[in-house]
Amino acid sequence: AEHQRFTTATGIQVYFCDPKSPWQRGSNENT
């Protein structure tokens, strides 16, 4: 929920998947 706090500290933008769609983060799920 505090993704903007993370982006402000790092300059890295956060993107969000669709609900109940773990396959959109397939590398993370497999690992």
PDB file of all heavy atoms in Angstrom:
ATOM      1  N   ALA A   1       0.820  -1.211   0.000  1.00  0.00           N
ATOM      2  CA  ALA A   1       0.000   0.000   0.000  1.00  0.00           C
ATOM      3  C   ALA A   1       0.857   1.265   0.000  1.00  0.00           C
ATOM      4  O   ALA A   1       0.441   2.307  -0.495  1.00  0.00           O
ATOM      5  CB  ALA A   1      -0.929   0.004   1.222  1.00  0.00           C
ATOM      6  N   GLU A   2       2.084   1.166   0.542  1.00  0.00           N
ATOM      7  CA  GLU A   2       2.985   2.331   0.602  1.00  0.00           C
ATOM      8  C   GLU A   2       3.982   2.316  -0.560  1.00  0.00           C
ATOM      9  O   GLU A   2       5.155   2.664  -0.392  1.00  0.00           O
ATOM     10  CB  GLU A   2       3.722   2.333   1.949  1.00  0.00           C
ATOM     11  CG  GLU A   2       2.830   2.552   3.158  1.00  0.00           C
ATOM     12  CD  GLU A   2       2.384   4.008   3.289  1.00  0.00           C
ATOM     13  OE1 GLU A   2       3.008   4.871   2.643  1.00  0.00           O
ATOM     14  OE2 GLU A   2       1.422   4.264   4.033  1.00  0.00           O
ATOM     15  N   HIS A   3       3.504   1.919  -1.736  1.00  0.00           N
ATOM     16  CA  HIS A   3       4.424   1.818  -2.884  1.00  0.00           C
ATOM     17  C   HIS A   3       5.028   3.170  -3.258  1.00  0.00           C
ATOM     18  O   HIS A   3       6.158   3.242  -3.746  1.00  0.00           O
ATOM     19  CB  HIS A   3       3.690   1.211  -4.086  1.00  0.00           C
ATOM     20  CG  HIS A   3       2.575   2.060  -4.616  1.00  0.00           C
ATOM     21  ND1 HIS A   3       2.742   2.926  -5.672  1.00  0.00           N
ATOM     22  CD2 HIS A   3       1.289   2.189  -4.222  1.00  0.00           C
ATOM     23  CE1 HIS A   3       1.598   3.544  -5.906  1.00  0.00           C
ATOM     24  NE2 HIS A   3       0.697   3.121  -5.042  1.00  0.00           N
ATOM     25  N   GLN A   4       4.288   4.253  -3.032  1.00  0.00           N
ATOM     26  CA  GLN A   4       4.838   5.582  -3.362  1.00  0.00           C
ATOM     27  C   GLN A   4       6.011   5.938  -2.451  1.00  0.00           C
ATOM     28  O   GLN A   4       6.954   6.596  -2.871  1.00  0.00           O
ATOM     29  CB  GLN A   4       3.730   6.637  -3.256  1.00  0.00           C
ATOM     30  CG  GLN A   4       2.682   6.528  -4.368  1.00  0.00           C
ATOM     31  CD  GLN A   4       1.588   7.568  -4.219  1.00  0.00           C
ATOM     32  OE1 GLN A   4       0.815   7.544  -3.268  1.00  0.00           O
ATOM     33  NE2 GLN A   4       1.520   8.482  -5.171  1.00  0.00           N
ATOM     34  N   ARG A   5       5.942   5.479  -1.222  1.00  0.00           N
ATOM     35  CA  ARG A   5       7.045   5.681  -0.284  1.00  0.00           C
ATOM     36  C   ARG A   5       8.298   4.975  -0.799  1.00  0.00           C
ATOM     37  O   ARG A   5       9.407   5.522  -0.764  1.00  0.00           O
ATOM     38  CB  ARG A   5       6.626   5.127   1.083  1.00  0.00           C
ATOM     39  CG  ARG A   5       7.664   5.198   2.189  1.00  0.00           C
ATOM     40  CD  ARG A   5       7.053   4.614   3.453  1.00  0.00           C
ATOM     41  NE  ARG A   5       7.950   4.644   4.586  1.00  0.00           N
ATOM     42  CZ  ARG A   5       7.571   4.956   5.821  1.00  0.00           C
ATOM     43  NH1 ARG A   5       6.319   5.301   6.060  1.00  0.00           N
ATOM     44  NH2 ARG A   5       8.427   4.922   6.821  1.00  0.00           N
ATOM     45  N   PHE A   6       8.113   3.742  -1.307  1.00  0.00           N
ATOM     46  CA  PHE A   6       9.230   2.984  -1.869  1.00  0.00           C
ATOM     47  C   PHE A   6       9.796   3.691  -3.098  1.00  0.00           C
ATOM     48  O   PHE A   6      11.024   3.821  -3.258  1.00  0.00           O
ATOM     49  CB  PHE A   6       8.744   1.577  -2.234  1.00  0.00           C
ATOM     50  CG  PHE A   6       9.703   0.782  -3.077  1.00  0.00           C
ATOM     51  CD1 PHE A   6      10.759   0.109  -2.492  1.00  0.00           C
ATOM     52  CD2 PHE A   6       9.544   0.700  -4.459  1.00  0.00           C
ATOM     53  CE1 PHE A   6      11.648  -0.625  -3.264  1.00  0.00           C
ATOM     54  CE2 PHE A   6      10.420  -0.034  -5.236  1.00  0.00           C
ATOM     55  CZ  PHE A   6      11.476  -0.696  -4.638  1.00  0.00           C
ATOM     56  N   THR A   7       8.923   4.165  -3.983  1.00  0.00           N
ATOM     57  CA  THR A   7       9.371   4.843  -5.211  1.00  0.00           C
ATOM     58  C   THR A   7      10.118   6.130  -4.897  1.00  0.00           C
ATOM     59  O   THR A   7      11.143   6.442  -5.525  1.00  0.00           O
ATOM     60  CB  THR A   7       8.162   5.127  -6.118  1.00  0.00           C
ATOM     61  OG1 THR A   7       7.530   3.887  -6.473  1.00  0.00           O
ATOM     62  CG2 THR A   7       8.579   5.847  -7.387  1.00  0.00           C
ATOM     63  N   THR A   8       9.642   6.887  -3.921  1.00  0.00           N
ATOM     64  CA  THR A   8      10.317   8.126  -3.529  1.00  0.00           C
ATOM     65  C   THR A   8      11.727   7.838  -3.019  1.00  0.00           C
ATOM     66  O   THR A   8      12.675   8.578  -3.319  1.00  0.00           O
ATOM     67  CB  THR A   8       9.500   8.845  -2.444  1.00  0.00           C
ATOM     68  OG1 THR A   8       8.207   9.155  -2.960  1.00  0.00           O
ATOM     69  CG2 THR A   8      10.193  10.131  -1.997  1.00  0.00           C
ATOM     70  N   ALA A   9      11.887   6.743  -2.263  1.00  0.00           N
ATOM     71  CA  ALA A   9      13.195   6.421  -1.683  1.00  0.00           C
ATOM     72  C   ALA A   9      14.166   5.843  -2.704  1.00  0.00           C
ATOM     73  O   ALA A   9      15.389   5.993  -2.553  1.00  0.00           O
ATOM     74  CB  ALA A   9      13.014   5.435  -0.531  1.00  0.00           C
ATOM     75  N   THR A  10      13.660   5.192  -3.762  1.00  0.00           N
ATOM     76  CA  THR A  10      14.537   4.463  -4.678  1.00  0.00           C
ATOM     77  C   THR A  10      14.519   4.969  -6.117  1.00  0.00           C
ATOM     78  O   THR A  10      15.444   4.676  -6.875  1.00  0.00           O
ATOM     79  CB  THR A  10      14.128   2.982  -4.713  1.00  0.00           C
ATOM     80  OG1 THR A  10      12.788   2.887  -5.245  1.00  0.00           O
ATOM     81  CG2 THR A  10      14.165   2.377  -3.317  1.00  0.00           C
ATOM     82  N   GLY A  11      13.454   5.668  -6.497  1.00  0.00           N
ATOM     83  CA  GLY A  11      13.300   6.055  -7.896  1.00  0.00           C
ATOM     84  C   GLY A  11      12.790   4.925  -8.768  1.00  0.00           C
ATOM     85  O   GLY A  11      12.700   5.069  -9.997  1.00  0.00           O
ATOM     86  N   ILE A  12      12.430   3.812  -8.169  1.00  0.00           N
ATOM     87  CA  ILE A  12      11.949   2.645  -8.916  1.00  0.00           C
ATOM     88  C   ILE A  12      10.421   2.655  -8.922  1.00  0.00           C
ATOM     89  O   ILE A  12       9.788   2.683  -7.863  1.00  0.00           O
ATOM     90  CB  ILE A  12      12.466   1.336  -8.291  1.00  0.00           C
ATOM     91  CG1 ILE A  12      13.995   1.301  -8.343  1.00  0.00           C
ATOM     92  CG2 ILE A  12      11.872   0.122  -9.001  1.00  0.00           C
ATOM     93  CD1 ILE A  12      14.587   0.090  -7.650  1.00  0.00           C
ATOM     94  N   GLN A  13       9.834   2.609 -10.097  1.00  0.00           N
ATOM     95  CA  GLN A  13       8.385   2.617 -10.218  1.00  0.00           C
ATOM     96  C   GLN A  13       7.823   1.219  -9.968  1.00  0.00           C
ATOM     97  O   GLN A  13       8.400   0.211 -10.406  1.00  0.00           O
ATOM     98  CB  GLN A  13       7.961   3.098 -11.615  1.00  0.00           C
ATOM     99  CG  GLN A  13       6.467   3.220 -11.793  1.00  0.00           C
ATOM    100  CD  GLN A  13       5.870   4.248 -10.841  1.00  0.00           C
ATOM    101  OE1 GLN A  13       6.233   5.414 -10.890  1.00  0.00           O
ATOM    102  NE2 GLN A  13       4.959   3.805  -9.981  1.00  0.00           N
ATOM    103  N   VAL A  14       6.699   1.148  -9.261  1.00  0.00           N
ATOM    104  CA  VAL A  14       6.041  -0.123  -8.968  1.00  0.00           C
ATOM    105  C   VAL A  14       4.835  -0.284  -9.891  1.00  0.00           C
ATOM    106  O   VAL A  14       4.040   0.643 -10.050  1.00  0.00           O
ATOM    107  CB  VAL A  14       5.584  -0.202  -7.497  1.00  0.00           C
ATOM    108  CG1 VAL A  14       4.936  -1.559  -7.215  1.00  0.00           C
ATOM    109  CG2 VAL A  14       6.768   0.026  -6.556  1.00  0.00           C
ATOM    110  N   TYR A  15       4.688  -1.481 -10.485  1.00  0.00           N
ATOM    111  CA  TYR A  15       3.547  -1.816 -11.334  1.00  0.00           C
ATOM    112  C   TYR A  15       2.785  -2.970 -10.689  1.00  0.00           C
ATOM    113  O   TYR A  15       3.392  -3.862 -10.075  1.00  0.00           O
ATOM    114  CB  TYR A  15       4.011  -2.204 -12.739  1.00  0.00           C
ATOM    115  CG  TYR A  15       4.752  -1.093 -13.444  1.00  0.00           C
ATOM    116  CD1 TYR A  15       6.131  -0.950 -13.310  1.00  0.00           C
ATOM    117  CD2 TYR A  15       4.073  -0.159 -14.227  1.00  0.00           C
ATOM    118  CE1 TYR A  15       6.818   0.090 -13.936  1.00  0.00           C
ATOM    119  CE2 TYR A  15       4.747   0.877 -14.857  1.00  0.00           C
ATOM    120  CZ  TYR A  15       6.119   1.000 -14.703  1.00  0.00           C
ATOM    121  OH  TYR A  15       6.778   2.039 -15.316  1.00  0.00           O
ATOM    122  N   PHE A  16       1.461  -2.968 -10.845  1.00  0.00           N
ATOM    123  CA  PHE A  16       0.627  -3.951 -10.161  1.00  0.00           C
ATOM    124  C   PHE A  16      -0.062  -4.878 -11.151  1.00  0.00           C
ATOM    125  O   PHE A  16      -0.564  -4.445 -12.195  1.00  0.00           O
ATOM    126  CB  PHE A  16      -0.415  -3.248  -9.285  1.00  0.00           C
ATOM    127  CG  PHE A  16       0.191  -2.585  -8.080  1.00  0.00           C
ATOM    128  CD1 PHE A  16       0.588  -1.258  -8.135  1.00  0.00           C
ATOM    129  CD2 PHE A  16       0.396  -3.299  -6.910  1.00  0.00           C
ATOM    130  CE1 PHE A  16       1.168  -0.647  -7.029  1.00  0.00           C
ATOM    131  CE2 PHE A  16       0.973  -2.695  -5.800  1.00  0.00           C
ATOM    132  CZ  PHE A  16       1.354  -1.369  -5.860  1.00  0.00           C
ATOM    133  N   CYS A  17      -0.116  -6.165 -10.764  1.00  0.00           N
ATOM    134  CA  CYS A  17      -0.768  -7.189 -11.588  1.00  0.00           C
ATOM    135  C   CYS A  17      -2.290  -7.098 -11.456  1.00  0.00           C
ATOM    136  O   CYS A  17      -2.817  -6.391 -10.599  1.00  0.00           O
ATOM    137  CB  CYS A  17      -0.321  -8.580 -11.137  1.00  0.00           C
ATOM    138  SG  CYS A  17       1.445  -8.863 -11.269  1.00  0.00           S
ATOM    139  N   ASP A  18      -2.969  -7.841 -12.308  1.00  0.00           N
ATOM    140  CA  ASP A  18      -4.415  -8.001 -12.170  1.00  0.00           C
ATOM    141  C   ASP A  18      -4.698  -8.857 -10.935  1.00  0.00           C
ATOM    142  O   ASP A  18      -3.850  -9.643 -10.502  1.00  0.00           O
ATOM    143  CB  ASP A  18      -4.996  -8.697 -13.410  1.00  0.00           C
ATOM    144  CG  ASP A  18      -4.891  -7.821 -14.651  1.00  0.00           C
ATOM    145  OD1 ASP A  18      -5.176  -6.623 -14.530  1.00  0.00           O
ATOM    146  OD2 ASP A  18      -4.533  -8.351 -15.711  1.00  0.00           O
ATOM    147  N   PRO A  19      -5.907  -8.723 -10.351  1.00  0.00           N
ATOM    148  CA  PRO A  19      -6.258  -9.571  -9.203  1.00  0.00           C
ATOM    149  C   PRO A  19      -6.194 -11.055  -9.570  1.00  0.00           C
ATOM    150  O   PRO A  19      -6.582 -11.453 -10.665  1.00  0.00           O
ATOM    151  CB  PRO A  19      -7.698  -9.145  -8.870  1.00  0.00           C
ATOM    152  CG  PRO A  19      -7.843  -7.778  -9.454  1.00  0.00           C
ATOM    153  CD  PRO A  19      -6.985  -7.764 -10.678  1.00  0.00           C
ATOM    154  N   LYS A  20      -5.680 -11.856  -8.654  1.00  0.00           N
ATOM    155  CA  LYS A  20      -5.633 -13.315  -8.797  1.00  0.00           C
ATOM    156  C   LYS A  20      -4.960 -13.743 -10.099  1.00  0.00           C
ATOM    157  O   LYS A  20      -5.429 -14.651 -10.787  1.00  0.00           O
ATOM    158  CB  LYS A  20      -7.050 -13.899  -8.706  1.00  0.00           C
ATOM    159  CG  LYS A  20      -7.746 -13.608  -7.386  1.00  0.00           C
ATOM    160  CD  LYS A  20      -9.143 -14.192  -7.345  1.00  0.00           C
ATOM    161  CE  LYS A  20      -9.838 -13.862  -6.037  1.00  0.00           C
ATOM    162  NZ  LYS A  20     -11.216 -14.390  -5.968  1.00  0.00           N
ATOM    163  N   SER A  21      -3.868 -13.068 -10.439  1.00  0.00           N
ATOM    164  CA  SER A  21      -3.146 -13.394 -11.681  1.00  0.00           C
ATOM    165  C   SER A  21      -1.658 -13.595 -11.391  1.00  0.00           C
ATOM    166  O   SER A  21      -0.808 -12.825 -11.856  1.00  0.00           O
ATOM    167  CB  SER A  21      -3.340 -12.278 -12.715  1.00  0.00           C
ATOM    168  OG  SER A  21      -4.699 -12.088 -13.018  1.00  0.00           O
ATOM    169  N   PRO A  22      -1.309 -14.625 -10.593  1.00  0.00           N
ATOM    170  CA  PRO A  22       0.103 -14.829 -10.239  1.00  0.00           C
ATOM    171  C   PRO A  22       0.981 -15.113 -11.449  1.00  0.00           C
ATOM    172  O   PRO A  22       2.190 -14.869 -11.411  1.00  0.00           O
ATOM    173  CB  PRO A  22       0.054 -16.026  -9.279  1.00  0.00           C
ATOM    174  CG  PRO A  22      -1.232 -16.715  -9.587  1.00  0.00           C
ATOM    175  CD  PRO A  22      -2.186 -15.631  -9.989  1.00  0.00           C
ATOM    176  N   TRP A  23       0.356 -15.618 -12.530  1.00  0.00           N
ATOM    177  CA  TRP A  23       1.158 -15.904 -13.724  1.00  0.00           C
ATOM    178  C   TRP A  23       1.772 -14.645 -14.320  1.00  0.00           C
ATOM    179  O   TRP A  23       2.738 -14.719 -15.090  1.00  0.00           O
ATOM    180  CB  TRP A  23       0.283 -16.604 -14.769  1.00  0.00           C
ATOM    181  CG  TRP A  23      -0.971 -15.857 -15.109  1.00  0.00           C
ATOM    182  CD1 TRP A  23      -2.179 -15.992 -14.506  1.00  0.00           C
ATOM    183  CD2 TRP A  23      -1.135 -14.850 -16.115  1.00  0.00           C
ATOM    184  NE1 TRP A  23      -3.099 -15.136 -15.064  1.00  0.00           N
ATOM    185  CE2 TRP A  23      -2.484 -14.419 -16.060  1.00  0.00           C
ATOM    186  CE3 TRP A  23      -0.297 -14.262 -17.039  1.00  0.00           C
ATOM    187  CZ2 TRP A  23      -2.989 -13.438 -16.890  1.00  0.00           C
ATOM    188  CZ3 TRP A  23      -0.805 -13.287 -17.880  1.00  0.00           C
ATOM    189  CH2 TRP A  23      -2.132 -12.881 -17.803  1.00  0.00           C
ATOM    190  N   GLN A  24       1.251 -13.462 -13.984  1.00  0.00           N
ATOM    191  CA  GLN A  24       1.840 -12.224 -14.488  1.00  0.00           C
ATOM    192  C   GLN A  24       3.163 -11.904 -13.792  1.00  0.00           C
ATOM    193  O   GLN A  24       3.868 -10.993 -14.219  1.00  0.00           O
ATOM    194  CB  GLN A  24       0.847 -11.067 -14.319  1.00  0.00           C
ATOM    195  CG  GLN A  24      -0.380 -11.211 -15.211  1.00  0.00           C
ATOM    196  CD  GLN A  24      -1.386 -10.082 -15.031  1.00  0.00           C
ATOM    197  OE1 GLN A  24      -1.478  -9.465 -13.965  1.00  0.00           O
ATOM    198  NE2 GLN A  24      -2.159  -9.808 -16.074  1.00  0.00           N
ATOM    199  N   ARG A  25       3.462 -12.630 -12.726  1.00  0.00           N
ATOM    200  CA  ARG A  25       4.772 -12.560 -12.074  1.00  0.00           C
ATOM    201  C   ARG A  25       5.378 -13.963 -12.098  1.00  0.00           C
ATOM    202  O   ARG A  25       5.774 -14.511 -11.074  1.00  0.00           O
ATOM    203  CB  ARG A  25       4.659 -12.094 -10.621  1.00  0.00           C
ATOM    204  CG  ARG A  25       3.965 -10.793 -10.388  1.00  0.00           C
ATOM    205  CD  ARG A  25       3.769 -10.501  -8.897  1.00  0.00           C
ATOM    206  NE  ARG A  25       4.346 -11.471  -8.001  1.00  0.00           N
ATOM    207  CZ  ARG A  25       3.717 -12.550  -7.522  1.00  0.00           C
ATOM    208  NH1 ARG A  25       2.464 -12.813  -7.857  1.00  0.00           N
ATOM    209  NH2 ARG A  25       4.337 -13.369  -6.698  1.00  0.00           N
ATOM    210  N   GLY A  26       5.439 -14.549 -13.288  1.00  0.00           N
ATOM    211  CA  GLY A  26       5.818 -15.952 -13.419  1.00  0.00           C
ATOM    212  C   GLY A  26       7.192 -16.281 -12.880  1.00  0.00           C
ATOM    213  O   GLY A  26       7.392 -17.316 -12.230  1.00  0.00           O
ATOM    214  N   SER A  27       8.176 -15.418 -13.126  1.00  0.00           N
ATOM    215  CA  SER A  27       9.541 -15.688 -12.642  1.00  0.00           C
ATOM    216  C   SER A  27       9.565 -15.760 -11.123  1.00  0.00           C
ATOM    217  O   SER A  27      10.208 -16.621 -10.525  1.00  0.00           O
ATOM    218  CB  SER A  27      10.499 -14.596 -13.128  1.00  0.00           C
ATOM    219  OG  SER A  27      10.569 -14.576 -14.531  1.00  0.00           O
ATOM    220  N   ASN A  28       8.844 -14.831 -10.494  1.00  0.00           N
ATOM    221  CA  ASN A  28       8.802 -14.802  -9.035  1.00  0.00           C
ATOM    222  C   ASN A  28       8.080 -16.026  -8.479  1.00  0.00           C
ATOM    223  O   ASN A  28       8.536 -16.647  -7.505  1.00  0.00           O
ATOM    224  CB  ASN A  28       8.102 -13.515  -8.590  1.00  0.00           C
ATOM    225  CG  ASN A  28       8.169 -13.306  -7.090  1.00  0.00           C
ATOM    226  OD1 ASN A  28       7.142 -13.319  -6.428  1.00  0.00           O
ATOM    227  ND2 ASN A  28       9.359 -13.114  -6.544  1.00  0.00           N
ATOM    228  N   GLU A  29       6.963 -16.395  -9.097  1.00  0.00           N
ATOM    229  CA  GLU A  29       6.207 -17.549  -8.618  1.00  0.00           C
ATOM    230  C   GLU A  29       7.024 -18.835  -8.735  1.00  0.00           C
ATOM    231  O   GLU A  29       7.036 -19.666  -7.823  1.00  0.00           O
ATOM    232  CB  GLU A  29       4.906 -17.693  -9.411  1.00  0.00           C
ATOM    233  CG  GLU A  29       3.840 -16.674  -9.061  1.00  0.00           C
ATOM    234  CD  GLU A  29       3.273 -16.890  -7.672  1.00  0.00           C
ATOM    235  OE1 GLU A  29       2.737 -17.972  -7.392  1.00  0.00           O
ATOM    236  OE2 GLU A  29       3.401 -15.965  -6.843  1.00  0.00           O
ATOM    237  N   ASN A  30       7.721 -19.011  -9.870  1.00  0.00           N
ATOM    238  CA  ASN A  30       8.539 -20.218 -10.050  1.00  0.00           C
ATOM    239  C   ASN A  30       9.672 -20.272  -9.030  1.00  0.00           C
ATOM    240  O   ASN A  30       9.968 -21.328  -8.460  1.00  0.00           O
ATOM    241  CB  ASN A  30       9.115 -20.260 -11.468  1.00  0.00           C
ATOM    242  CG  ASN A  30       8.032 -20.510 -12.511  1.00  0.00           C
ATOM    243  OD1 ASN A  30       6.985 -21.070 -12.202  1.00  0.00           O
ATOM    244  ND2 ASN A  30       8.284 -20.086 -13.740  1.00  0.00           N
ATOM    245  N   THR A  31      10.292 -19.130  -8.796  1.00  0.00           N
ATOM    246  CA  THR A  31      11.397 -19.092  -7.829  1.00  0.00           C
ATOM    247  C   THR A  31      10.889 -19.344  -6.423  1.00  0.00           C
ATOM    248  O   THR A  31      11.553 -20.018  -5.620  1.00  0.00           O
ATOM    249  CB  THR A  31      12.124 -17.732  -7.905  1.00  0.00           C
ATOM    250  OG1 THR A  31      12.571 -17.515  -9.257  1.00  0.00           O
ATOM    251  CG2 THR A  31      13.327 -17.711  -6.977  1.00  0.00           C
TER     252      THR A  31
END
